Amino acid sequence: MNPLVEKLSRRDVVTDVEQAVLAELLDPPRAVAAGEDIVKNHSRPDHSTLLLSGLAARYVYLADGGRQITEIGVPGDFMDLHSLLMKQMDHGVLALTEVTVAGAPHGKLRAITEDHPHLTRLLWLDTIIDAAIHRQWLAAMGRRNGLGRFAHLIAELYLRLETVGLARDHVLELPLSQPVLGDALGLSAVHVNRLVAEMRASGMLKWTHPRVEILDWDRLVEVAEFDPTYLRLRKEAV
């Protein structure tokens, strides 16, 4: 539960009562192996899934077998909180690494919306930030070059992991293969390999898989045109 509480607490105060409600919300944790679906496309889940450890992804498959990753999930993220209202999934959720997840039954989530309005707004904010991340990824895919897309992804993941205590001092663990990164960036694995080499040569990053050390944050932000406003990291009442 800690990653979710840490993330929500970064945005507003989470009271002791609300933390207790969140603790009672979840089913027992379960492990999912890397490469397995956490939530299947077109399924109708009766619970939403919270990512407790590891990395996951929302994805869409195309008719030719191509895969587009539309967001990478980090611990503390509800991967399908929207399924409470959407009912049927229009995409899948995949474990990129071995992960631990816990289900939040939709009945309990509906009870929160009726009994705990402030906590409801915090969870609503979480889905709004999801949408903001999708907007930034869309802008990157449509208008940034490959280096800009990659730099933006690294900057975003660093701040999201830092928010839940899993990155600091501009160092993060990113145990993802180049084909997976390519699926997130809309690039080939070969292109991703070239971009990693370019970032190393420029002095922006030191990349010793899976450890990524950001050597020049200001340069990374400049190349990415990265504005963290969309991550809503300032603590403000909701």
C-alpha atoms as a PDB file:
ATOM      1  CA  MET A   1       0.000   0.000   0.000  1.00  0.00           C
ATOM      2  CA  ASN A   2       2.865   2.402   0.715  1.00  0.00           C
ATOM      3  CA  PRO A   3       3.515   3.444  -2.911  1.00  0.00           C
ATOM      4  CA  LEU A   4      -0.118   4.506  -3.388  1.00  0.00           C
ATOM      5  CA  VAL A   5      -0.207   6.446  -0.122  1.00  0.00           C
ATOM      6  CA  GLU A   6       3.140   8.083  -0.916  1.00  0.00           C
ATOM      7  CA  LYS A   7       1.905   9.118  -4.351  1.00  0.00           C
ATOM      8  CA  LEU A   8      -1.404  10.511  -3.108  1.00  0.00           C
ATOM      9  CA  SER A   9       0.334  12.247  -0.199  1.00  0.00           C
ATOM     10  CA  ARG A  10       2.565  14.081  -2.657  1.00  0.00           C
ATOM     11  CA  ARG A  11      -0.569  15.785  -3.987  1.00  0.00           C
ATOM     12  CA  ASP A  12      -2.653  16.345  -0.843  1.00  0.00           C
ATOM     13  CA  VAL A  13      -2.947  15.227   2.767  1.00  0.00           C
ATOM     14  CA  VAL A  14      -4.182  11.637   3.161  1.00  0.00           C
ATOM     15  CA  THR A  15      -5.731  11.313   6.604  1.00  0.00           C
ATOM     16  CA  ASP A  16      -5.265   8.329   8.919  1.00  0.00           C
ATOM     17  CA  VAL A  17      -8.887   7.362   8.276  1.00  0.00           C
ATOM     18  CA  GLU A  18      -8.364   7.493   4.508  1.00  0.00           C
ATOM     19  CA  GLN A  19      -5.192   5.423   4.796  1.00  0.00           C
ATOM     20  CA  ALA A  20      -7.149   2.821   6.781  1.00  0.00           C
ATOM     21  CA  VAL A  21      -9.872   2.791   4.106  1.00  0.00           C
ATOM     22  CA  LEU A  22      -7.252   2.214   1.408  1.00  0.00           C
ATOM     23  CA  ALA A  23      -5.645  -0.570   3.441  1.00  0.00           C
ATOM     24  CA  GLU A  24      -9.019  -2.329   3.759  1.00  0.00           C
ATOM     25  CA  LEU A  25      -9.782  -1.827   0.077  1.00  0.00           C
ATOM     26  CA  LEU A  26      -7.344  -4.347  -1.357  1.00  0.00           C
ATOM     27  CA  ASP A  27      -7.505  -8.091  -1.824  1.00  0.00           C
ATOM     28  CA  PRO A  28      -4.382 -10.118  -0.909  1.00  0.00           C
ATOM     29  CA  PRO A  29      -1.387  -9.413  -3.174  1.00  0.00           C
ATOM     30  CA  ARG A  30      -0.525 -11.780  -6.006  1.00  0.00           C
ATOM     31  CA  ALA A  31       2.507 -12.161  -8.249  1.00  0.00           C
ATOM     32  CA  VAL A  32       2.365 -11.965 -12.041  1.00  0.00           C
ATOM     33  CA  ALA A  33       5.285 -13.122 -14.178  1.00  0.00           C
ATOM     34  CA  ALA A  34       6.913 -10.859 -16.739  1.00  0.00           C
ATOM     35  CA  GLY A  35       5.135 -11.043 -20.085  1.00  0.00           C
ATOM     36  CA  GLU A  36       1.782 -12.147 -18.668  1.00  0.00           C
ATOM     37  CA  ASP A  37      -1.425 -10.156 -18.893  1.00  0.00           C
ATOM     38  CA  ILE A  38      -2.606  -8.521 -15.688  1.00  0.00           C
ATOM     39  CA  VAL A  39      -5.856  -7.387 -17.300  1.00  0.00           C
ATOM     40  CA  LYS A  40      -6.953  -8.758 -20.665  1.00  0.00           C
ATOM     41  CA  ASN A  41      -8.254  -6.639 -23.515  1.00  0.00           C
ATOM     42  CA  HIS A  42     -12.085  -6.702 -23.842  1.00  0.00           C
ATOM     43  CA  SER A  43     -12.440  -8.258 -20.376  1.00  0.00           C
ATOM     44  CA  ARG A  44     -15.011  -6.938 -17.915  1.00  0.00           C
ATOM     45  CA  PRO A  45     -13.131  -6.857 -14.594  1.00  0.00           C
ATOM     46  CA  ASP A  46     -15.035  -6.664 -11.316  1.00  0.00           C
ATOM     47  CA  HIS A  47     -12.044  -5.040  -9.627  1.00  0.00           C
ATOM     48  CA  SER A  48      -9.331  -2.497 -10.391  1.00  0.00           C
ATOM     49  CA  THR A  49      -5.688  -3.504 -10.087  1.00  0.00           C
ATOM     50  CA  LEU A  50      -3.078  -1.651  -8.051  1.00  0.00           C
ATOM     51  CA  LEU A  51       0.571  -2.164  -8.970  1.00  0.00           C
ATOM     52  CA  LEU A  52       2.598  -2.743  -5.784  1.00  0.00           C
ATOM     53  CA  SER A  53       6.000  -3.626  -7.270  1.00  0.00           C
ATOM     54  CA  GLY A  54       7.610  -3.935 -10.675  1.00  0.00           C
ATOM     55  CA  LEU A  55       6.720  -2.247 -13.970  1.00  0.00           C
ATOM     56  CA  ALA A  56       3.598  -2.788 -16.080  1.00  0.00           C
ATOM     57  CA  ALA A  57       2.168  -1.324 -19.266  1.00  0.00           C
ATOM     58  CA  ARG A  58      -1.082  -0.518 -20.940  1.00  0.00           C
ATOM     59  CA  TYR A  59      -0.937  -1.713 -24.533  1.00  0.00           C
ATOM     60  CA  VAL A  60      -2.879  -2.035 -27.770  1.00  0.00           C
ATOM     61  CA  TYR A  61      -2.197  -4.708 -30.410  1.00  0.00           C
ATOM     62  CA  LEU A  62      -2.651  -3.906 -34.089  1.00  0.00           C
ATOM     63  CA  ALA A  63      -3.930  -6.241 -36.786  1.00  0.00           C
ATOM     64  CA  ASP A  64      -0.414  -6.816 -38.144  1.00  0.00           C
ATOM     65  CA  GLY A  65       0.793  -7.990 -34.721  1.00  0.00           C
ATOM     66  CA  GLY A  66       2.466  -4.718 -33.816  1.00  0.00           C
ATOM     67  CA  ARG A  67       2.160  -3.525 -30.250  1.00  0.00           C
ATOM     68  CA  GLN A  68       1.925   0.036 -28.954  1.00  0.00           C
ATOM     69  CA  ILE A  69       2.552   0.636 -25.274  1.00  0.00           C
ATOM     70  CA  THR A  70       0.452   3.627 -24.268  1.00  0.00           C
ATOM     71  CA  GLU A  71       1.716   4.080 -20.702  1.00  0.00           C
ATOM     72  CA  ILE A  72       4.225   2.468 -18.360  1.00  0.00           C
ATOM     73  CA  GLY A  73       2.922   1.870 -14.848  1.00  0.00           C
ATOM     74  CA  VAL A  74       5.082   2.181 -11.734  1.00  0.00           C
ATOM     75  CA  PRO A  75       4.362   1.021  -8.157  1.00  0.00           C
ATOM     76  CA  GLY A  76       1.465   2.943  -6.662  1.00  0.00           C
ATOM     77  CA  ASP A  77      -0.409   3.146  -9.972  1.00  0.00           C
ATOM     78  CA  PHE A  78      -3.913   1.784 -10.430  1.00  0.00           C
ATOM     79  CA  MET A  79      -3.558   0.222 -13.871  1.00  0.00           C
ATOM     80  CA  ASP A  80      -7.294   0.164 -14.585  1.00  0.00           C
ATOM     81  CA  LEU A  81      -9.088   2.352 -12.066  1.00  0.00           C
ATOM     82  CA  HIS A  82     -11.166   3.571 -15.001  1.00  0.00           C
ATOM     83  CA  SER A  83     -12.646   0.076 -15.394  1.00  0.00           C
ATOM     84  CA  LEU A  84     -14.961   0.949 -12.488  1.00  0.00           C
ATOM     85  CA  LEU A  85     -16.891   3.146 -14.917  1.00  0.00           C
ATOM     86  CA  MET A  86     -15.750   1.898 -18.325  1.00  0.00           C
ATOM     87  CA  LYS A  87     -16.892  -1.663 -17.506  1.00  0.00           C
ATOM     88  CA  GLN A  88     -15.263  -3.293 -20.553  1.00  0.00           C
ATOM     89  CA  MET A  89     -11.561  -2.842 -21.235  1.00  0.00           C
ATOM     90  CA  ASP A  90     -10.535  -1.392 -24.596  1.00  0.00           C
ATOM     91  CA  HIS A  91      -6.861  -2.318 -24.096  1.00  0.00           C
ATOM     92  CA  GLY A  92      -4.737  -4.773 -22.142  1.00  0.00           C
ATOM     93  CA  VAL A  93      -2.409  -4.421 -19.159  1.00  0.00           C
ATOM     94  CA  LEU A  94       0.827  -6.388 -19.243  1.00  0.00           C
ATOM     95  CA  ALA A  95       3.542  -7.159 -16.660  1.00  0.00           C
ATOM     96  CA  LEU A  96       6.806  -5.837 -18.098  1.00  0.00           C
ATOM     97  CA  THR A  97       8.785  -7.297 -15.196  1.00  0.00           C
ATOM     98  CA  GLU A  98       7.734  -9.676 -12.475  1.00  0.00           C
ATOM     99  CA  VAL A  99       5.155  -7.665 -10.562  1.00  0.00           C
ATOM    100  CA  THR A 100       3.069  -7.789  -7.430  1.00  0.00           C
ATOM    101  CA  VAL A 101      -0.495  -6.520  -7.740  1.00  0.00           C
ATOM    102  CA  ALA A 102      -3.601  -6.335  -5.582  1.00  0.00           C
ATOM    103  CA  GLY A 103      -7.224  -6.055  -6.632  1.00  0.00           C
ATOM    104  CA  ALA A 104      -9.607  -3.388  -5.390  1.00  0.00           C
ATOM    105  CA  PRO A 105     -13.185  -4.741  -5.763  1.00  0.00           C
ATOM    106  CA  HIS A 106     -15.445  -2.340  -7.603  1.00  0.00           C
ATOM    107  CA  GLY A 107     -18.076  -2.639  -4.890  1.00  0.00           C
ATOM    108  CA  LYS A 108     -15.624  -1.268  -2.333  1.00  0.00           C
ATOM    109  CA  LEU A 109     -14.528   1.491  -4.715  1.00  0.00           C
ATOM    110  CA  ARG A 110     -18.161   2.531  -5.197  1.00  0.00           C
ATOM    111  CA  ALA A 111     -18.569   2.646  -1.403  1.00  0.00           C
ATOM    112  CA  ILE A 112     -15.600   5.014  -1.194  1.00  0.00           C
ATOM    113  CA  THR A 113     -17.281   7.361  -3.681  1.00  0.00           C
ATOM    114  CA  GLU A 114     -20.359   7.446  -1.443  1.00  0.00           C
ATOM    115  CA  ASP A 115     -18.699   7.668   1.985  1.00  0.00           C
ATOM    116  CA  HIS A 116     -15.337   9.404   1.488  1.00  0.00           C
ATOM    117  CA  PRO A 117     -15.615  12.373  -0.886  1.00  0.00           C
ATOM    118  CA  HIS A 118     -12.072  13.676  -0.370  1.00  0.00           C
ATOM    119  CA  LEU A 119     -10.530  10.271  -1.013  1.00  0.00           C
ATOM    120  CA  THR A 120     -12.772   9.980  -4.078  1.00  0.00           C
ATOM    121  CA  ARG A 121     -11.356  13.253  -5.391  1.00  0.00           C
ATOM    122  CA  LEU A 122      -7.806  11.995  -4.808  1.00  0.00           C
ATOM    123  CA  LEU A 123      -8.497   8.839  -6.816  1.00  0.00           C
ATOM    124  CA  TRP A 124     -10.218  10.928  -9.477  1.00  0.00           C
ATOM    125  CA  LEU A 125      -7.089  13.078  -9.636  1.00  0.00           C
ATOM    126  CA  ASP A 126      -5.109   9.899 -10.219  1.00  0.00           C
ATOM    127  CA  THR A 127      -7.154   9.126 -13.345  1.00  0.00           C
ATOM    128  CA  ILE A 128      -6.813  12.748 -14.495  1.00  0.00           C
ATOM    129  CA  ILE A 129      -3.019  12.475 -14.239  1.00  0.00           C
ATOM    130  CA  ASP A 130      -3.242   9.251 -16.264  1.00  0.00           C
ATOM    131  CA  ALA A 131      -4.998  11.230 -18.982  1.00  0.00           C
ATOM    132  CA  ALA A 132      -2.347  13.951 -18.785  1.00  0.00           C
ATOM    133  CA  ILE A 133       0.392  11.349 -19.255  1.00  0.00           C
ATOM    134  CA  HIS A 134      -1.417  10.032 -22.330  1.00  0.00           C
ATOM    135  CA  ARG A 135      -1.585  13.580 -23.753  1.00  0.00           C
ATOM    136  CA  GLN A 136       2.146  14.044 -23.327  1.00  0.00           C
ATOM    137  CA  TRP A 137       2.886  10.683 -24.930  1.00  0.00           C
ATOM    138  CA  LEU A 138       0.608  11.601 -27.850  1.00  0.00           C
ATOM    139  CA  ALA A 139       2.418  14.929 -28.323  1.00  0.00           C
ATOM    140  CA  ALA A 140       5.779  13.163 -28.156  1.00  0.00           C
ATOM    141  CA  MET A 141       4.795  10.507 -30.705  1.00  0.00           C
ATOM    142  CA  GLY A 142       3.351  13.077 -33.086  1.00  0.00           C
ATOM    143  CA  ARG A 143       5.805  15.956 -32.853  1.00  0.00           C
ATOM    144  CA  ARG A 144       9.095  15.034 -31.122  1.00  0.00           C
ATOM    145  CA  ASN A 145      11.996  13.289 -32.794  1.00  0.00           C
ATOM    146  CA  GLY A 146      13.249   9.983 -31.441  1.00  0.00           C
ATOM    147  CA  LEU A 147      15.785  11.547 -29.084  1.00  0.00           C
ATOM    148  CA  GLY A 148      13.184  13.944 -27.694  1.00  0.00           C
ATOM    149  CA  ARG A 149      10.716  11.113 -27.102  1.00  0.00           C
ATOM    150  CA  PHE A 150      13.303   8.992 -25.329  1.00  0.00           C
ATOM    151  CA  ALA A 151      14.547  11.871 -23.174  1.00  0.00           C
ATOM    152  CA  HIS A 152      10.956  12.710 -22.211  1.00  0.00           C
ATOM    153  CA  LEU A 153      10.246   9.113 -21.189  1.00  0.00           C
ATOM    154  CA  ILE A 154      13.363   8.952 -18.990  1.00  0.00           C
ATOM    155  CA  ALA A 155      12.590  12.280 -17.305  1.00  0.00           C
ATOM    156  CA  GLU A 156       8.971  11.261 -16.671  1.00  0.00           C
ATOM    157  CA  LEU A 157       9.791   7.823 -15.286  1.00  0.00           C
ATOM    158  CA  TYR A 158      12.468   9.266 -13.022  1.00  0.00           C
ATOM    159  CA  LEU A 159      10.036  11.726 -11.416  1.00  0.00           C
ATOM    160  CA  ARG A 160       7.242   9.158 -11.115  1.00  0.00           C
ATOM    161  CA  LEU A 161       9.583   6.666  -9.446  1.00  0.00           C
ATOM    162  CA  GLU A 162      11.074   9.372  -7.221  1.00  0.00           C
ATOM    163  CA  THR A 163       7.566  10.268  -6.078  1.00  0.00           C
ATOM    164  CA  VAL A 164       7.105   6.785  -4.586  1.00  0.00           C
ATOM    165  CA  GLY A 165      10.617   6.542  -3.168  1.00  0.00           C
ATOM    166  CA  LEU A 166      12.055   4.257  -5.850  1.00  0.00           C
ATOM    167  CA  ALA A 167      14.516   6.683  -7.458  1.00  0.00           C
ATOM    168  CA  ARG A 168      16.739   9.419  -6.115  1.00  0.00           C
ATOM    169  CA  ASP A 169      19.837  11.478  -6.913  1.00  0.00           C
ATOM    170  CA  HIS A 170      18.949  11.188 -10.620  1.00  0.00           C
ATOM    171  CA  VAL A 171      19.399   7.401 -10.588  1.00  0.00           C
ATOM    172  CA  LEU A 172      16.650   4.920 -11.502  1.00  0.00           C
ATOM    173  CA  GLU A 173      16.324   1.247 -12.294  1.00  0.00           C
ATOM    174  CA  LEU A 174      14.841   0.588 -15.738  1.00  0.00           C
ATOM    175  CA  PRO A 175      14.877  -3.185 -16.374  1.00  0.00           C
ATOM    176  CA  LEU A 176      13.231  -2.958 -19.793  1.00  0.00           C
ATOM    177  CA  SER A 177      14.527  -4.401 -23.039  1.00  0.00           C
ATOM    178  CA  GLN A 178      15.109  -2.248 -26.091  1.00  0.00           C
ATOM    179  CA  PRO A 179      12.172  -3.868 -27.963  1.00  0.00           C
ATOM    180  CA  VAL A 180       9.872  -2.936 -25.060  1.00  0.00           C
ATOM    181  CA  LEU A 181      11.201   0.618 -25.055  1.00  0.00           C
ATOM    182  CA  GLY A 182      10.657   0.661 -28.809  1.00  0.00           C
ATOM    183  CA  ASP A 183       7.015  -0.321 -28.326  1.00  0.00           C
ATOM    184  CA  ALA A 184       6.625   2.592 -25.899  1.00  0.00           C
ATOM    185  CA  LEU A 185       8.354   5.084 -28.181  1.00  0.00           C
ATOM    186  CA  GLY A 186       7.032   3.905 -31.554  1.00  0.00           C
ATOM    187  CA  LEU A 187      10.575   3.069 -32.663  1.00  0.00           C
ATOM    188  CA  SER A 188      12.495  -0.048 -33.662  1.00  0.00           C
ATOM    189  CA  ALA A 189      14.823  -1.756 -31.203  1.00  0.00           C
ATOM    190  CA  VAL A 190      17.742  -0.801 -33.475  1.00  0.00           C
ATOM    191  CA  HIS A 191      16.732   2.875 -33.291  1.00  0.00           C
ATOM    192  CA  VAL A 192      16.457   2.669 -29.504  1.00  0.00           C
ATOM    193  CA  ASN A 193      19.971   1.194 -29.345  1.00  0.00           C
ATOM    194  CA  ARG A 194      21.292   4.118 -31.365  1.00  0.00           C
ATOM    195  CA  LEU A 195      19.541   6.610 -29.115  1.00  0.00           C
ATOM    196  CA  VAL A 196      21.035   5.020 -25.991  1.00  0.00           C
ATOM    197  CA  ALA A 197      24.481   5.334 -27.590  1.00  0.00           C
ATOM    198  CA  GLU A 198      23.772   8.980 -28.515  1.00  0.00           C
ATOM    199  CA  MET A 199      22.676   9.828 -24.975  1.00  0.00           C
ATOM    200  CA  ARG A 200      25.790   8.197 -23.550  1.00  0.00           C
ATOM    201  CA  ALA A 201      28.064  10.007 -26.011  1.00  0.00           C
ATOM    202  CA  SER A 202      26.453  13.372 -25.243  1.00  0.00           C
ATOM    203  CA  GLY A 203      27.052  12.942 -21.515  1.00  0.00           C
ATOM    204  CA  MET A 204      23.341  12.994 -20.648  1.00  0.00           C
ATOM    205  CA  LEU A 205      23.169   9.457 -19.273  1.00  0.00           C
ATOM    206  CA  LYS A 206      25.243   6.633 -17.944  1.00  0.00           C
ATOM    207  CA  TRP A 207      23.311   3.466 -18.817  1.00  0.00           C
ATOM    208  CA  THR A 208      24.473   0.192 -17.280  1.00  0.00           C
ATOM    209  CA  HIS A 209      21.370  -1.939 -17.720  1.00  0.00           C
ATOM    210  CA  PRO A 210      19.164  -1.829 -15.716  1.00  0.00           C
ATOM    211  CA  ARG A 211      20.707   1.156 -13.880  1.00  0.00           C
ATOM    212  CA  VAL A 212      20.247   4.551 -15.495  1.00  0.00           C
ATOM    213  CA  GLU A 213      22.154   7.519 -14.086  1.00  0.00           C
ATOM    214  CA  ILE A 214      21.120  10.928 -15.376  1.00  0.00           C
ATOM    215  CA  LEU A 215      24.363  12.900 -15.577  1.00  0.00           C
ATOM    216  CA  ASP A 216      22.954  16.129 -17.020  1.00  0.00           C
ATOM    217  CA  TRP A 217      19.348  16.679 -15.917  1.00  0.00           C
ATOM    218  CA  ASP A 218      19.159  20.176 -17.421  1.00  0.00           C
ATOM    219  CA  ARG A 219      20.273  18.916 -20.823  1.00  0.00           C
ATOM    220  CA  LEU A 220      17.842  15.978 -20.642  1.00  0.00           C
ATOM    221  CA  VAL A 221      14.979  18.373 -19.844  1.00  0.00           C
ATOM    222  CA  GLU A 222      16.021  20.680 -22.685  1.00  0.00           C
ATOM    223  CA  VAL A 223      16.159  17.898 -25.264  1.00  0.00           C
ATOM    224  CA  ALA A 224      12.823  16.477 -24.050  1.00  0.00           C
ATOM    225  CA  GLU A 225      11.114  19.889 -23.757  1.00  0.00           C
ATOM    226  CA  PHE A 226      10.007  18.394 -20.462  1.00  0.00           C
ATOM    227  CA  ASP A 227       7.528  20.337 -18.324  1.00  0.00           C
ATOM    228  CA  PRO A 228       6.490  18.300 -15.257  1.00  0.00           C
ATOM    229  CA  THR A 229       3.292  20.308 -14.685  1.00  0.00           C
ATOM    230  CA  TYR A 230       1.208  17.402 -16.008  1.00  0.00           C
ATOM    231  CA  LEU A 231       2.449  15.129 -13.215  1.00  0.00           C
ATOM    232  CA  ARG A 232       0.896  17.446 -10.612  1.00  0.00           C
ATOM    233  CA  LEU A 233       3.668  17.044  -8.033  1.00  0.00           C
ATOM    234  CA  ARG A 234       2.792  20.136  -5.992  1.00  0.00           C
ATOM    235  CA  LYS A 235       0.767  19.494  -2.834  1.00  0.00           C
ATOM    236  CA  GLU A 236      -2.552  21.320  -3.195  1.00  0.00           C
ATOM    237  CA  ALA A 237      -5.961  20.607  -1.671  1.00  0.00           C
ATOM    238  CA  VAL A 238      -8.383  18.715  -3.913  1.00  0.00           C
END
